[in-house]
Amino acid sequence: MARWKKPTKDEILENRQTLAERARTGDLRLPNAVAEIREGSGMTQEEFTNMLALTRRHVAEIEAGAANPMLETLEKIGRLFKFSVWFVR
């Protein structure tokens, strides 16, 4: 398995634009979105958890689909991309 490589500033900008477009079209879904936001920002799980004041285990469980994050947690994660959390019926 290839080692993860931190993206360049240009790649981070491109990742953010891609994720924002996917969010606008409704194609960004949990749990994959959390990992994509983190990786797209060029952060390891440890960096991500420190920034958001979450535990690494909690982030890993969210990314694996094994945890149901609270609204407050989703809002913290969304703020990285200036995303707001809303629900569709």
N, C-alpha and C. Protein backbone atom coordinates (compact mmCIF):
# COMPACT_ATOMS: atom_id res chain seq x y z
N MET A 1 0.83 -1.17 0.00
CA MET A 1 0.00 0.00 0.00
C MET A 1 0.88 1.24 0.00
N ALA A 2 0.56 2.20 -0.86
CA ALA A 2 1.36 3.41 -0.98
C ALA A 2 1.19 4.29 0.25
N ARG A 3 2.25 4.93 0.63
CA ARG A 3 2.23 5.84 1.77
C ARG A 3 1.49 7.11 1.37
N TRP A 4 0.70 7.65 2.30
CA TRP A 4 -0.07 8.87 2.04
C TRP A 4 0.87 10.05 1.89
N LYS A 5 0.63 10.86 0.88
CA LYS A 5 1.46 12.01 0.60
C LYS A 5 0.64 13.27 0.82
N LYS A 6 1.14 14.19 1.61
CA LYS A 6 0.44 15.44 1.89
C LYS A 6 0.29 16.22 0.58
N PRO A 7 -0.94 16.70 0.30
CA PRO A 7 -1.14 17.44 -0.95
C PRO A 7 -0.49 18.82 -0.91
N THR A 8 -0.20 19.34 -2.09
CA THR A 8 0.35 20.70 -2.20
C THR A 8 -0.76 21.71 -1.96
N LYS A 9 -0.41 22.98 -1.82
CA LYS A 9 -1.42 24.03 -1.62
C LYS A 9 -2.39 24.07 -2.80
N ASP A 10 -1.87 23.91 -4.00
CA ASP A 10 -2.74 23.91 -5.19
C ASP A 10 -3.69 22.72 -5.17
N GLU A 11 -3.19 21.56 -4.75
CA GLU A 11 -4.04 20.36 -4.67
C GLU A 11 -5.11 20.53 -3.59
N ILE A 12 -4.75 21.16 -2.47
CA ILE A 12 -5.73 21.41 -1.42
C ILE A 12 -6.83 22.33 -1.94
N LEU A 13 -6.46 23.38 -2.65
CA LEU A 13 -7.45 24.30 -3.23
C LEU A 13 -8.36 23.56 -4.20
N GLU A 14 -7.77 22.74 -5.05
CA GLU A 14 -8.56 21.95 -6.01
C GLU A 14 -9.49 20.97 -5.29
N ASN A 15 -8.97 20.31 -4.25
CA ASN A 15 -9.80 19.39 -3.46
C ASN A 15 -10.98 20.12 -2.84
N ARG A 16 -10.73 21.30 -2.30
CA ARG A 16 -11.81 22.08 -1.68
C ARG A 16 -12.87 22.46 -2.71
N GLN A 17 -12.44 22.86 -3.89
CA GLN A 17 -13.39 23.22 -4.94
C GLN A 17 -14.21 22.02 -5.37
N THR A 18 -13.56 20.88 -5.51
CA THR A 18 -14.27 19.65 -5.88
C THR A 18 -15.27 19.25 -4.82
N LEU A 19 -14.86 19.29 -3.55
CA LEU A 19 -15.76 18.94 -2.46
C LEU A 19 -16.93 19.91 -2.37
N ALA A 20 -16.66 21.19 -2.55
CA ALA A 20 -17.73 22.20 -2.51
C ALA A 20 -18.75 21.94 -3.62
N GLU A 21 -18.27 21.60 -4.81
CA GLU A 21 -19.19 21.31 -5.92
C GLU A 21 -20.00 20.06 -5.62
N ARG A 22 -19.36 19.05 -5.08
CA ARG A 22 -20.09 17.82 -4.73
C ARG A 22 -21.13 18.10 -3.64
N ALA A 23 -20.80 18.97 -2.71
CA ALA A 23 -21.76 19.33 -1.65
C ALA A 23 -22.95 20.06 -2.26
N ARG A 24 -22.68 20.97 -3.20
CA ARG A 24 -23.77 21.72 -3.86
C ARG A 24 -24.71 20.80 -4.63
N THR A 25 -24.16 19.74 -5.21
CA THR A 25 -24.99 18.84 -6.02
C THR A 25 -25.57 17.70 -5.20
N GLY A 26 -25.27 17.66 -3.89
CA GLY A 26 -25.81 16.62 -3.03
C GLY A 26 -25.09 15.29 -3.15
N ASP A 27 -23.87 15.32 -3.66
CA ASP A 27 -23.10 14.09 -3.88
C ASP A 27 -22.07 13.84 -2.78
N LEU A 28 -22.14 14.58 -1.69
CA LEU A 28 -21.18 14.43 -0.61
C LEU A 28 -21.92 13.85 0.59
N ARG A 29 -21.61 12.63 0.96
CA ARG A 29 -22.36 11.91 1.98
C ARG A 29 -21.44 11.34 3.06
N LEU A 30 -21.99 11.28 4.27
CA LEU A 30 -21.29 10.61 5.37
C LEU A 30 -21.27 9.12 5.09
N PRO A 31 -20.30 8.39 5.56
CA PRO A 31 -19.13 8.80 6.30
C PRO A 31 -17.96 9.22 5.41
N ASN A 32 -18.04 8.94 4.13
CA ASN A 32 -16.92 9.24 3.22
C ASN A 32 -16.56 10.72 3.21
N ALA A 33 -17.54 11.59 3.41
CA ALA A 33 -17.29 13.02 3.35
C ALA A 33 -16.28 13.46 4.39
N VAL A 34 -16.34 12.89 5.58
CA VAL A 34 -15.43 13.31 6.65
C VAL A 34 -13.98 12.99 6.26
N ALA A 35 -13.74 11.80 5.79
CA ALA A 35 -12.38 11.42 5.36
C ALA A 35 -11.95 12.28 4.17
N GLU A 36 -12.85 12.53 3.25
CA GLU A 36 -12.49 13.35 2.08
C GLU A 36 -12.18 14.78 2.48
N ILE A 37 -12.93 15.33 3.42
CA ILE A 37 -12.66 16.69 3.90
C ILE A 37 -11.29 16.73 4.58
N ARG A 38 -11.04 15.75 5.44
CA ARG A 38 -9.76 15.71 6.15
C ARG A 38 -8.60 15.55 5.19
N GLU A 39 -8.68 14.56 4.33
CA GLU A 39 -7.59 14.30 3.39
C GLU A 39 -7.45 15.44 2.38
N GLY A 40 -8.58 16.00 1.96
CA GLY A 40 -8.55 17.11 1.02
C GLY A 40 -7.91 18.35 1.60
N SER A 41 -7.93 18.45 2.93
CA SER A 41 -7.29 19.57 3.61
C SER A 41 -5.82 19.30 3.88
N GLY A 42 -5.39 18.07 3.58
CA GLY A 42 -4.00 17.72 3.78
C GLY A 42 -3.66 17.39 5.22
N MET A 43 -4.67 16.94 5.99
CA MET A 43 -4.43 16.65 7.40
C MET A 43 -4.45 15.15 7.68
N THR A 44 -3.60 14.76 8.62
CA THR A 44 -3.66 13.41 9.14
C THR A 44 -4.83 13.36 10.12
N GLN A 45 -5.20 12.16 10.54
CA GLN A 45 -6.27 12.06 11.55
C GLN A 45 -5.86 12.79 12.82
N GLU A 46 -4.60 12.69 13.20
CA GLU A 46 -4.14 13.34 14.42
C GLU A 46 -4.26 14.87 14.32
N GLU A 47 -3.82 15.44 13.21
CA GLU A 47 -3.93 16.89 13.01
C GLU A 47 -5.40 17.33 13.02
N PHE A 48 -6.22 16.54 12.36
CA PHE A 48 -7.66 16.83 12.26
C PHE A 48 -8.31 16.80 13.63
N THR A 49 -8.00 15.78 14.42
CA THR A 49 -8.60 15.65 15.75
C THR A 49 -8.14 16.78 16.66
N ASN A 50 -6.88 17.16 16.57
CA ASN A 50 -6.38 18.27 17.40
C ASN A 50 -7.07 19.58 17.03
N MET A 51 -7.25 19.83 15.74
CA MET A 51 -7.88 21.06 15.29
C MET A 51 -9.34 21.16 15.77
N LEU A 52 -10.02 20.02 15.78
CA LEU A 52 -11.44 20.01 16.10
C LEU A 52 -11.74 19.61 17.55
N ALA A 53 -10.71 19.33 18.33
CA ALA A 53 -10.87 18.91 19.72
C ALA A 53 -11.74 17.65 19.83
N LEU A 54 -11.45 16.68 18.96
CA LEU A 54 -12.11 15.38 18.99
C LEU A 54 -11.05 14.33 19.29
N THR A 55 -11.48 13.12 19.61
CA THR A 55 -10.50 12.05 19.79
C THR A 55 -10.23 11.39 18.45
N ARG A 56 -9.06 10.83 18.32
CA ARG A 56 -8.71 10.14 17.07
C ARG A 56 -9.64 8.96 16.85
N ARG A 57 -9.98 8.27 17.92
CA ARG A 57 -10.89 7.13 17.81
C ARG A 57 -12.25 7.57 17.27
N HIS A 58 -12.76 8.70 17.75
CA HIS A 58 -14.05 9.20 17.30
C HIS A 58 -14.01 9.51 15.80
N VAL A 59 -12.96 10.19 15.37
CA VAL A 59 -12.83 10.51 13.94
C VAL A 59 -12.72 9.23 13.12
N ALA A 60 -11.92 8.27 13.58
CA ALA A 60 -11.76 7.01 12.85
C ALA A 60 -13.11 6.29 12.73
N GLU A 61 -13.89 6.29 13.82
CA GLU A 61 -15.19 5.63 13.79
C GLU A 61 -16.17 6.35 12.86
N ILE A 62 -16.13 7.67 12.85
CA ILE A 62 -16.99 8.43 11.93
C ILE A 62 -16.62 8.09 10.49
N GLU A 63 -15.32 8.12 10.19
CA GLU A 63 -14.86 7.84 8.83
C GLU A 63 -15.18 6.43 8.39
N ALA A 64 -15.23 5.50 9.33
CA ALA A 64 -15.53 4.10 9.01
C ALA A 64 -17.02 3.82 8.98
N GLY A 65 -17.82 4.81 9.35
CA GLY A 65 -19.27 4.61 9.38
C GLY A 65 -19.74 3.86 10.61
N ALA A 66 -18.87 3.77 11.63
CA ALA A 66 -19.20 3.03 12.84
C ALA A 66 -19.73 3.93 13.95
N ALA A 67 -19.78 5.25 13.72
CA ALA A 67 -20.28 6.18 14.73
C ALA A 67 -21.26 7.14 14.08
N ASN A 68 -22.19 7.60 14.85
CA ASN A 68 -23.13 8.62 14.41
C ASN A 68 -22.77 9.92 15.10
N PRO A 69 -22.11 10.83 14.38
CA PRO A 69 -21.66 12.07 15.01
C PRO A 69 -22.84 12.97 15.39
N MET A 70 -22.64 13.70 16.48
CA MET A 70 -23.65 14.66 16.90
C MET A 70 -23.61 15.86 15.95
N LEU A 71 -24.68 16.61 15.93
CA LEU A 71 -24.77 17.79 15.06
C LEU A 71 -23.61 18.75 15.33
N GLU A 72 -23.28 18.95 16.58
CA GLU A 72 -22.17 19.85 16.93
C GLU A 72 -20.87 19.40 16.28
N THR A 73 -20.62 18.09 16.26
CA THR A 73 -19.41 17.55 15.64
C THR A 73 -19.43 17.77 14.14
N LEU A 74 -20.57 17.53 13.51
CA LEU A 74 -20.69 17.76 12.06
C LEU A 74 -20.48 19.24 11.72
N GLU A 75 -20.99 20.11 12.56
CA GLU A 75 -20.81 21.54 12.32
C GLU A 75 -19.33 21.94 12.43
N LYS A 76 -18.61 21.38 13.40
CA LYS A 76 -17.17 21.64 13.54
C LYS A 76 -16.43 21.22 12.28
N ILE A 77 -16.75 20.02 11.80
CA ILE A 77 -16.10 19.50 10.60
C ILE A 77 -16.45 20.35 9.39
N GLY A 78 -17.71 20.70 9.25
CA GLY A 78 -18.15 21.50 8.11
C GLY A 78 -17.53 22.87 8.04
N ARG A 79 -17.25 23.45 9.20
CA ARG A 79 -16.66 24.80 9.22
C ARG A 79 -15.33 24.87 8.50
N LEU A 80 -14.61 23.75 8.42
CA LEU A 80 -13.33 23.75 7.71
C LEU A 80 -13.51 24.20 6.25
N PHE A 81 -14.66 23.88 5.68
CA PHE A 81 -14.93 24.25 4.29
C PHE A 81 -16.02 25.30 4.17
N LYS A 82 -16.38 25.90 5.31
CA LYS A 82 -17.49 26.86 5.34
C LYS A 82 -18.78 26.20 4.86
N PHE A 83 -18.93 24.90 5.19
CA PHE A 83 -20.15 24.15 4.91
C PHE A 83 -21.09 24.32 6.09
N SER A 84 -22.37 24.32 5.83
CA SER A 84 -23.34 24.28 6.91
C SER A 84 -24.05 22.93 6.82
N VAL A 85 -24.53 22.48 7.94
CA VAL A 85 -25.19 21.18 8.01
C VAL A 85 -26.69 21.38 7.85
N TRP A 86 -27.29 20.64 6.95
CA TRP A 86 -28.74 20.66 6.79
C TRP A 86 -29.18 19.28 6.37
N PHE A 87 -30.44 19.03 6.59
CA PHE A 87 -30.96 17.69 6.34
C PHE A 87 -32.03 17.72 5.27
N VAL A 88 -32.09 16.65 4.52
CA VAL A 88 -33.07 16.51 3.45
C VAL A 88 -34.07 15.44 3.87
N ARG A 89 -35.33 15.70 3.65
CA ARG A 89 -36.36 14.71 3.98
C ARG A 89 -36.52 13.71 2.87
